[in-house]
Structure formats: structure tokens, C-alpha cells
Amino acid sequence: MEPADPNLAGVDLATVKELLGNQDIQTTLRYAHLAQDHKREAIARIGKLVTMDT
């Protein structure tokens, strides 16, 4: 499991920190950017599909 996966499901980072057993929120935050990268990639893929349909 990617540490960012629960964040993508709308789980707050404090809960993700607890579930992963991280002592410091900074450890969890290191992976938070992965969620954003994942969203950007999804938007780019969807954009290509929409462009193909028009």
C-alpha cells in the first residue's frame, strides 16, 4: 500500500499517520505529494480522452 492511498480516499493525514504508525506527521507528509501527483496524472489522462471524443 502506498502511504498516500488512504489520503486519496478522503482520509485525513492525522489518521493516515496513526494507521501507518508514524511517530511524526512530517514522515506522513513526505508521501502526501504522491496524492497530488496521482491526481495530476488522472486529469491528464481524462483530458486526452475528452479531446479524442470532441
N, C-alpha and C. Protein backbone atom coordinates (compact mmCIF):
# COMPACT_ATOMS: atom_id res chain seq x y z
N MET A 1 0.83 -1.18 0.00
CA MET A 1 0.00 0.00 0.00
C MET A 1 0.87 1.23 0.00
N GLU A 2 0.62 2.15 -0.92
CA GLU A 2 1.29 3.44 -0.92
C GLU A 2 0.77 4.22 0.29
N PRO A 3 1.63 4.90 1.01
CA PRO A 3 1.15 5.69 2.14
C PRO A 3 0.13 6.74 1.75
N ALA A 4 0.14 7.22 0.50
CA ALA A 4 -0.81 8.26 0.09
C ALA A 4 -2.18 7.71 -0.26
N ASP A 5 -2.30 6.42 -0.46
CA ASP A 5 -3.58 5.86 -0.90
C ASP A 5 -4.76 6.21 0.00
N PRO A 6 -4.65 6.08 1.33
CA PRO A 6 -5.80 6.44 2.16
C PRO A 6 -6.17 7.91 2.01
N ASN A 7 -5.18 8.76 1.79
CA ASN A 7 -5.45 10.18 1.61
C ASN A 7 -6.30 10.40 0.37
N LEU A 8 -6.10 9.63 -0.65
CA LEU A 8 -6.89 9.76 -1.86
C LEU A 8 -8.35 9.42 -1.60
N ALA A 9 -8.60 8.60 -0.62
CA ALA A 9 -9.97 8.22 -0.29
C ALA A 9 -10.62 9.21 0.66
N GLY A 10 -9.97 10.33 0.92
CA GLY A 10 -10.54 11.35 1.78
C GLY A 10 -10.20 11.18 3.26
N VAL A 11 -9.27 10.31 3.57
CA VAL A 11 -8.86 10.12 4.96
C VAL A 11 -7.87 11.22 5.32
N ASP A 12 -8.07 11.86 6.48
CA ASP A 12 -7.17 12.94 6.87
C ASP A 12 -5.78 12.40 7.21
N LEU A 13 -4.79 13.26 7.06
CA LEU A 13 -3.40 12.83 7.24
C LEU A 13 -3.08 12.42 8.67
N ALA A 14 -3.75 12.99 9.65
CA ALA A 14 -3.51 12.57 11.04
C ALA A 14 -3.90 11.10 11.24
N THR A 15 -5.00 10.69 10.61
CA THR A 15 -5.43 9.30 10.71
C THR A 15 -4.46 8.40 9.94
N VAL A 16 -4.03 8.85 8.78
CA VAL A 16 -3.05 8.09 7.99
C VAL A 16 -1.78 7.90 8.82
N LYS A 17 -1.35 8.95 9.50
CA LYS A 17 -0.16 8.89 10.37
C LYS A 17 -0.32 7.79 11.41
N GLU A 18 -1.48 7.78 12.06
CA GLU A 18 -1.73 6.77 13.09
C GLU A 18 -1.73 5.36 12.51
N LEU A 19 -2.43 5.19 11.40
CA LEU A 19 -2.55 3.85 10.79
C LEU A 19 -1.20 3.31 10.34
N LEU A 20 -0.34 4.21 9.85
CA LEU A 20 0.98 3.77 9.39
C LEU A 20 1.97 3.62 10.54
N GLY A 21 1.59 4.11 11.71
CA GLY A 21 2.48 4.01 12.87
C GLY A 21 3.61 5.02 12.85
N ASN A 22 3.44 6.11 12.10
CA ASN A 22 4.47 7.14 12.05
C ASN A 22 4.48 7.91 13.36
N GLN A 23 5.66 8.18 13.89
CA GLN A 23 5.79 8.95 15.12
C GLN A 23 5.57 10.44 14.88
N ASP A 24 5.95 10.90 13.69
CA ASP A 24 5.92 12.33 13.38
C ASP A 24 5.10 12.56 12.12
N ILE A 25 4.25 13.58 12.13
CA ILE A 25 3.42 13.89 10.96
C ILE A 25 4.29 14.23 9.75
N GLN A 26 5.51 14.71 9.98
CA GLN A 26 6.41 15.04 8.87
C GLN A 26 6.72 13.81 8.02
N THR A 27 6.80 12.66 8.65
CA THR A 27 7.04 11.42 7.90
C THR A 27 5.87 11.15 6.97
N THR A 28 4.66 11.35 7.45
CA THR A 28 3.47 11.14 6.64
C THR A 28 3.40 12.17 5.51
N LEU A 29 3.74 13.41 5.82
CA LEU A 29 3.68 14.49 4.84
C LEU A 29 4.64 14.27 3.67
N ARG A 30 5.72 13.53 3.91
CA ARG A 30 6.65 13.23 2.82
C ARG A 30 5.94 12.53 1.66
N TYR A 31 4.92 11.76 1.98
CA TYR A 31 4.22 10.99 0.98
C TYR A 31 2.95 11.68 0.47
N ALA A 32 2.55 12.76 1.11
CA ALA A 32 1.31 13.43 0.73
C ALA A 32 1.37 13.95 -0.70
N HIS A 33 2.54 14.33 -1.18
CA HIS A 33 2.66 14.84 -2.55
C HIS A 33 2.32 13.77 -3.57
N LEU A 34 2.44 12.51 -3.20
CA LEU A 34 2.11 11.43 -4.13
C LEU A 34 0.64 11.49 -4.52
N ALA A 35 -0.19 11.89 -3.59
CA ALA A 35 -1.62 12.01 -3.90
C ALA A 35 -1.84 13.07 -4.96
N GLN A 36 -1.14 14.17 -4.85
CA GLN A 36 -1.29 15.24 -5.82
C GLN A 36 -0.77 14.81 -7.19
N ASP A 37 0.37 14.12 -7.22
CA ASP A 37 0.90 13.63 -8.49
C ASP A 37 -0.09 12.68 -9.15
N HIS A 38 -0.71 11.84 -8.37
CA HIS A 38 -1.67 10.87 -8.87
C HIS A 38 -2.87 11.60 -9.49
N LYS A 39 -3.32 12.65 -8.84
CA LYS A 39 -4.46 13.42 -9.35
C LYS A 39 -4.10 14.12 -10.65
N ARG A 40 -2.89 14.70 -10.72
CA ARG A 40 -2.46 15.37 -11.95
C ARG A 40 -2.42 14.39 -13.11
N GLU A 41 -1.91 13.20 -12.86
CA GLU A 41 -1.83 12.18 -13.90
C GLU A 41 -3.23 11.78 -14.36
N ALA A 42 -4.14 11.62 -13.43
CA ALA A 42 -5.52 11.25 -13.78
C ALA A 42 -6.17 12.34 -14.62
N ILE A 43 -5.97 13.58 -14.24
CA ILE A 43 -6.55 14.70 -15.00
C ILE A 43 -5.99 14.72 -16.41
N ALA A 44 -4.69 14.50 -16.55
CA ALA A 44 -4.07 14.50 -17.88
C ALA A 44 -4.65 13.38 -18.75
N ARG A 45 -4.84 12.21 -18.17
CA ARG A 45 -5.40 11.09 -18.93
C ARG A 45 -6.84 11.36 -19.34
N ILE A 46 -7.63 11.90 -18.42
CA ILE A 46 -9.02 12.22 -18.73
C ILE A 46 -9.07 13.30 -19.81
N GLY A 47 -8.19 14.27 -19.71
CA GLY A 47 -8.15 15.33 -20.71
C GLY A 47 -7.90 14.79 -22.09
N LYS A 48 -7.03 13.80 -22.21
CA LYS A 48 -6.75 13.19 -23.52
C LYS A 48 -7.99 12.48 -24.05
N LEU A 49 -8.73 11.82 -23.17
CA LEU A 49 -9.94 11.12 -23.59
C LEU A 49 -11.00 12.10 -24.06
N VAL A 50 -11.16 13.19 -23.35
CA VAL A 50 -12.15 14.19 -23.71
C VAL A 50 -11.79 14.82 -25.05
N THR A 51 -10.51 15.09 -25.26
CA THR A 51 -10.05 15.67 -26.52
C THR A 51 -10.32 14.72 -27.70
N MET A 52 -10.15 13.43 -27.47
CA MET A 52 -10.39 12.43 -28.51
C MET A 52 -11.86 12.38 -28.90
N ASP A 53 -12.75 12.58 -27.93
CA ASP A 53 -14.19 12.48 -28.17
C ASP A 53 -14.77 13.69 -28.89
N THR A 54 -14.07 14.81 -28.87
CA THR A 54 -14.63 16.02 -29.49
C THR A 54 -14.06 16.26 -30.85
